[in-house]
Amino acid sequence: MINDPLLDTIKSLLAAHYGERMNSLILYSDPGAAEIDLLCVLDGHANVWLELDHIVDATAPAADQFPDRPFQVTPCSAHDFDTGATGLIRQAQRGTPL
């Protein structure tokens, strides 16, 4: 388990926004990297462009609270995650669930 206030904040904000639709949140970069990379796995269909807008809005408080720690959250459907639909998803499959 990773003890990181930024990651805890992001997870909490996304859980509040998506509720039970959020299947998991995966850290697929080194927590000490210049930019934190996360994959937000959602149940049901996930329109990436629409969900990106939702994620940016939902995580804005974390960006404001931790301005020196850039992060990126990419959405995907649970189906795409389970099937390893893209290279990014296959990379995230080797990541750390939060």
N, C-alpha and C. Protein backbone atom coordinates (compact mmCIF):
# COMPACT_ATOMS: atom_id res chain seq x y z
N MET A 1 0.84 -1.18 0.00
CA MET A 1 0.00 0.00 0.00
C MET A 1 0.89 1.25 0.00
N ILE A 2 0.52 2.21 -0.78
CA ILE A 2 1.27 3.44 -0.89
C ILE A 2 0.62 4.50 -0.01
N ASN A 3 1.42 5.12 0.82
CA ASN A 3 0.93 6.19 1.68
C ASN A 3 1.33 7.51 1.05
N ASP A 4 0.41 8.14 0.33
CA ASP A 4 0.70 9.38 -0.37
C ASP A 4 -0.55 10.25 -0.32
N PRO A 5 -0.47 11.42 0.31
CA PRO A 5 -1.65 12.28 0.43
C PRO A 5 -2.25 12.68 -0.92
N LEU A 6 -1.41 12.91 -1.93
CA LEU A 6 -1.93 13.27 -3.24
C LEU A 6 -2.76 12.12 -3.82
N LEU A 7 -2.22 10.92 -3.80
CA LEU A 7 -2.94 9.77 -4.34
C LEU A 7 -4.23 9.51 -3.57
N ASP A 8 -4.16 9.65 -2.26
CA ASP A 8 -5.37 9.47 -1.44
C ASP A 8 -6.43 10.50 -1.81
N THR A 9 -6.01 11.74 -2.04
CA THR A 9 -6.95 12.81 -2.40
C THR A 9 -7.58 12.55 -3.76
N ILE A 10 -6.75 12.18 -4.74
CA ILE A 10 -7.28 11.89 -6.08
C ILE A 10 -8.29 10.74 -6.01
N LYS A 11 -7.93 9.68 -5.33
CA LYS A 11 -8.82 8.52 -5.24
C LYS A 11 -10.14 8.91 -4.58
N SER A 12 -10.07 9.69 -3.53
CA SER A 12 -11.27 10.12 -2.82
C SER A 12 -12.16 10.99 -3.71
N LEU A 13 -11.55 11.91 -4.44
CA LEU A 13 -12.31 12.80 -5.32
C LEU A 13 -12.99 12.02 -6.45
N LEU A 14 -12.25 11.08 -7.04
CA LEU A 14 -12.83 10.29 -8.13
C LEU A 14 -13.91 9.35 -7.61
N ALA A 15 -13.71 8.78 -6.44
CA ALA A 15 -14.73 7.91 -5.84
C ALA A 15 -16.01 8.70 -5.56
N ALA A 16 -15.85 9.93 -5.09
CA ALA A 16 -17.02 10.77 -4.82
C ALA A 16 -17.73 11.12 -6.13
N HIS A 17 -16.98 11.35 -7.18
CA HIS A 17 -17.56 11.72 -8.47
C HIS A 17 -18.25 10.53 -9.15
N TYR A 18 -17.57 9.38 -9.20
CA TYR A 18 -18.08 8.23 -9.94
C TYR A 18 -18.89 7.24 -9.10
N GLY A 19 -18.72 7.27 -7.80
CA GLY A 19 -19.45 6.34 -6.95
C GLY A 19 -19.09 4.90 -7.30
N GLU A 20 -20.09 4.05 -7.33
CA GLU A 20 -19.87 2.63 -7.58
C GLU A 20 -19.40 2.34 -9.00
N ARG A 21 -19.52 3.31 -9.89
CA ARG A 21 -19.07 3.11 -11.27
C ARG A 21 -17.54 3.00 -11.35
N MET A 22 -16.83 3.57 -10.37
CA MET A 22 -15.38 3.48 -10.38
C MET A 22 -14.97 2.08 -9.92
N ASN A 23 -14.42 1.33 -10.83
CA ASN A 23 -14.00 -0.04 -10.57
C ASN A 23 -12.68 -0.06 -9.82
N SER A 24 -11.71 0.73 -10.29
CA SER A 24 -10.40 0.80 -9.62
C SER A 24 -9.61 2.01 -10.12
N LEU A 25 -8.57 2.31 -9.38
CA LEU A 25 -7.63 3.36 -9.75
C LEU A 25 -6.25 2.73 -9.68
N ILE A 26 -5.52 2.80 -10.79
CA ILE A 26 -4.23 2.12 -10.91
C ILE A 26 -3.12 3.16 -11.09
N LEU A 27 -2.10 3.08 -10.25
CA LEU A 27 -0.90 3.89 -10.40
C LEU A 27 0.05 3.10 -11.30
N TYR A 28 0.40 3.67 -12.46
CA TYR A 28 1.29 2.93 -13.35
C TYR A 28 2.59 3.66 -13.63
N SER A 29 2.89 4.67 -12.83
CA SER A 29 4.21 5.31 -12.88
C SER A 29 4.81 5.21 -11.49
N ASP A 30 6.06 5.53 -11.39
CA ASP A 30 6.73 5.56 -10.10
C ASP A 30 6.11 6.71 -9.29
N PRO A 31 5.74 6.49 -8.03
CA PRO A 31 5.14 7.56 -7.23
C PRO A 31 6.05 8.79 -7.10
N GLY A 32 7.35 8.61 -7.28
CA GLY A 32 8.28 9.74 -7.20
C GLY A 32 8.60 10.36 -8.55
N ALA A 33 7.92 9.92 -9.61
CA ALA A 33 8.17 10.43 -10.96
C ALA A 33 7.78 11.91 -11.06
N ALA A 34 8.31 12.56 -12.07
CA ALA A 34 8.00 13.98 -12.29
C ALA A 34 6.50 14.19 -12.50
N GLU A 35 5.85 13.23 -13.14
CA GLU A 35 4.39 13.29 -13.31
C GLU A 35 3.82 11.94 -12.91
N ILE A 36 2.78 11.98 -12.10
CA ILE A 36 2.10 10.77 -11.65
C ILE A 36 1.09 10.36 -12.72
N ASP A 37 1.14 9.10 -13.14
CA ASP A 37 0.23 8.57 -14.15
C ASP A 37 -0.70 7.55 -13.51
N LEU A 38 -2.00 7.78 -13.69
CA LEU A 38 -3.02 6.92 -13.11
C LEU A 38 -4.02 6.50 -14.19
N LEU A 39 -4.59 5.32 -14.01
CA LEU A 39 -5.65 4.85 -14.88
C LEU A 39 -6.89 4.66 -14.03
N CYS A 40 -7.98 5.30 -14.42
CA CYS A 40 -9.26 5.19 -13.71
C CYS A 40 -10.13 4.21 -14.50
N VAL A 41 -10.37 3.04 -13.92
CA VAL A 41 -11.14 1.99 -14.58
C VAL A 41 -12.60 2.13 -14.17
N LEU A 42 -13.46 2.28 -15.18
CA LEU A 42 -14.88 2.54 -14.95
C LEU A 42 -15.74 1.39 -15.46
N ASP A 43 -16.76 1.03 -14.71
CA ASP A 43 -17.73 0.05 -15.18
C ASP A 43 -18.59 0.70 -16.26
N GLY A 44 -18.98 -0.10 -17.23
CA GLY A 44 -19.81 0.42 -18.32
C GLY A 44 -18.96 1.08 -19.39
N HIS A 45 -19.62 1.67 -20.35
CA HIS A 45 -18.94 2.35 -21.45
C HIS A 45 -18.21 3.58 -20.93
N ALA A 46 -17.01 3.82 -21.44
CA ALA A 46 -16.24 5.01 -21.04
C ALA A 46 -15.83 5.77 -22.29
N ASN A 47 -16.51 6.87 -22.58
CA ASN A 47 -16.12 7.77 -23.66
C ASN A 47 -14.92 8.55 -23.14
N VAL A 48 -13.73 8.25 -23.66
CA VAL A 48 -12.49 8.80 -23.13
C VAL A 48 -12.52 10.32 -23.09
N TRP A 49 -12.94 10.98 -24.17
CA TRP A 49 -12.90 12.44 -24.21
C TRP A 49 -13.86 13.06 -23.21
N LEU A 50 -15.05 12.50 -23.09
CA LEU A 50 -16.02 13.01 -22.13
C LEU A 50 -15.53 12.77 -20.70
N GLU A 51 -15.03 11.57 -20.45
CA GLU A 51 -14.55 11.25 -19.11
C GLU A 51 -13.33 12.08 -18.72
N LEU A 52 -12.47 12.40 -19.68
CA LEU A 52 -11.32 13.26 -19.36
C LEU A 52 -11.78 14.59 -18.81
N ASP A 53 -12.81 15.18 -19.43
CA ASP A 53 -13.35 16.44 -18.92
C ASP A 53 -13.86 16.28 -17.49
N HIS A 54 -14.58 15.19 -17.24
CA HIS A 54 -15.11 14.93 -15.89
C HIS A 54 -13.97 14.76 -14.88
N ILE A 55 -12.95 14.03 -15.28
CA ILE A 55 -11.82 13.77 -14.38
C ILE A 55 -11.06 15.06 -14.05
N VAL A 56 -10.83 15.89 -15.06
CA VAL A 56 -10.14 17.16 -14.81
C VAL A 56 -10.93 18.00 -13.82
N ASP A 57 -12.24 18.08 -14.02
CA ASP A 57 -13.08 18.85 -13.09
C ASP A 57 -13.08 18.23 -11.70
N ALA A 58 -13.23 16.92 -11.63
CA ALA A 58 -13.33 16.23 -10.33
C ALA A 58 -12.03 16.32 -9.54
N THR A 59 -10.89 16.31 -10.22
CA THR A 59 -9.60 16.30 -9.52
C THR A 59 -8.97 17.68 -9.39
N ALA A 60 -9.67 18.72 -9.83
CA ALA A 60 -9.13 20.08 -9.72
C ALA A 60 -8.71 20.44 -8.29
N PRO A 61 -9.48 20.06 -7.26
CA PRO A 61 -9.02 20.38 -5.90
C PRO A 61 -7.66 19.75 -5.56
N ALA A 62 -7.39 18.56 -6.07
CA ALA A 62 -6.08 17.93 -5.82
C ALA A 62 -4.97 18.70 -6.54
N ALA A 63 -5.25 19.14 -7.76
CA ALA A 63 -4.26 19.92 -8.51
C ALA A 63 -3.98 21.24 -7.80
N ASP A 64 -5.01 21.84 -7.23
CA ASP A 64 -4.83 23.09 -6.48
C ASP A 64 -4.08 22.86 -5.18
N GLN A 65 -4.36 21.76 -4.51
CA GLN A 65 -3.75 21.46 -3.21
C GLN A 65 -2.29 21.03 -3.35
N PHE A 66 -1.95 20.40 -4.47
CA PHE A 66 -0.59 19.89 -4.70
C PHE A 66 -0.05 20.45 -6.02
N PRO A 67 0.14 21.77 -6.12
CA PRO A 67 0.53 22.37 -7.41
C PRO A 67 1.91 21.94 -7.91
N ASP A 68 2.75 21.45 -7.03
CA ASP A 68 4.10 21.04 -7.43
C ASP A 68 4.19 19.57 -7.81
N ARG A 69 3.04 18.87 -7.86
CA ARG A 69 3.02 17.44 -8.18
C ARG A 69 2.03 17.18 -9.33
N PRO A 70 2.47 17.36 -10.56
CA PRO A 70 1.56 17.13 -11.69
C PRO A 70 1.15 15.67 -11.79
N PHE A 71 -0.07 15.47 -12.23
CA PHE A 71 -0.60 14.12 -12.40
C PHE A 71 -1.52 14.09 -13.60
N GLN A 72 -1.68 12.88 -14.10
CA GLN A 72 -2.57 12.66 -15.23
C GLN A 72 -3.39 11.42 -14.93
N VAL A 73 -4.70 11.53 -15.10
CA VAL A 73 -5.59 10.39 -14.89
C VAL A 73 -6.26 10.09 -16.23
N THR A 74 -6.07 8.88 -16.70
CA THR A 74 -6.65 8.44 -17.96
C THR A 74 -7.80 7.47 -17.66
N PRO A 75 -8.96 7.69 -18.26
CA PRO A 75 -10.09 6.79 -18.03
C PRO A 75 -10.08 5.61 -19.01
N CYS A 76 -10.66 4.51 -18.59
CA CYS A 76 -10.92 3.40 -19.50
C CYS A 76 -12.05 2.56 -18.92
N SER A 77 -12.66 1.78 -19.78
CA SER A 77 -13.73 0.89 -19.32
C SER A 77 -13.10 -0.35 -18.69
N ALA A 78 -13.84 -0.99 -17.80
CA ALA A 78 -13.37 -2.23 -17.19
C ALA A 78 -13.15 -3.30 -18.26
N HIS A 79 -13.99 -3.31 -19.28
CA HIS A 79 -13.83 -4.27 -20.37
C HIS A 79 -12.49 -4.06 -21.08
N ASP A 80 -12.18 -2.80 -21.41
CA ASP A 80 -10.90 -2.51 -22.08
C ASP A 80 -9.72 -2.85 -21.18
N PHE A 81 -9.87 -2.61 -19.88
CA PHE A 81 -8.79 -2.95 -18.94
C PHE A 81 -8.60 -4.47 -18.90
N ASP A 82 -9.68 -5.20 -18.78
CA ASP A 82 -9.60 -6.67 -18.68
C ASP A 82 -9.00 -7.30 -19.93
N THR A 83 -9.27 -6.71 -21.09
CA THR A 83 -8.77 -7.27 -22.35
C THR A 83 -7.43 -6.68 -22.76
N GLY A 84 -6.93 -5.68 -22.04
CA GLY A 84 -5.65 -5.06 -22.40
C GLY A 84 -5.72 -4.41 -23.77
N ALA A 85 -6.76 -3.61 -23.97
CA ALA A 85 -7.10 -3.07 -25.29
C ALA A 85 -6.01 -2.20 -25.93
N THR A 86 -5.20 -1.54 -25.14
CA THR A 86 -4.16 -0.66 -25.70
C THR A 86 -2.84 -0.89 -24.96
N GLY A 87 -1.77 -0.35 -25.55
CA GLY A 87 -0.47 -0.45 -24.90
C GLY A 87 -0.45 0.23 -23.54
N LEU A 88 -1.11 1.38 -23.44
CA LEU A 88 -1.16 2.09 -22.16
C LEU A 88 -1.88 1.25 -21.11
N ILE A 89 -2.96 0.62 -21.50
CA ILE A 89 -3.71 -0.23 -20.56
C ILE A 89 -2.87 -1.43 -20.15
N ARG A 90 -2.17 -2.03 -21.10
CA ARG A 90 -1.31 -3.17 -20.75
C ARG A 90 -0.21 -2.74 -19.80
N GLN A 91 0.31 -1.54 -19.98
CA GLN A 91 1.31 -1.01 -19.03
C GLN A 91 0.68 -0.82 -17.66
N ALA A 92 -0.52 -0.26 -17.62
CA ALA A 92 -1.21 -0.01 -16.36
C ALA A 92 -1.58 -1.32 -15.65
N GLN A 93 -1.81 -2.38 -16.40
CA GLN A 93 -2.13 -3.67 -15.79
C GLN A 93 -1.01 -4.15 -14.88
N ARG A 94 0.20 -3.70 -15.13
CA ARG A 94 1.35 -4.06 -14.30
C ARG A 94 1.54 -3.07 -13.14
N GLY A 95 0.66 -2.09 -13.05
CA GLY A 95 0.77 -1.05 -12.03
C GLY A 95 0.26 -1.48 -10.67
N THR A 96 0.12 -0.50 -9.80
CA THR A 96 -0.30 -0.72 -8.42
C THR A 96 -1.72 -0.23 -8.20
N PRO A 97 -2.65 -1.12 -7.87
CA PRO A 97 -4.02 -0.67 -7.55
C PRO A 97 -3.99 0.15 -6.26
N LEU A 98 -4.74 1.23 -6.26
CA LEU A 98 -4.81 2.08 -5.07
C LEU A 98 -6.09 1.82 -4.31
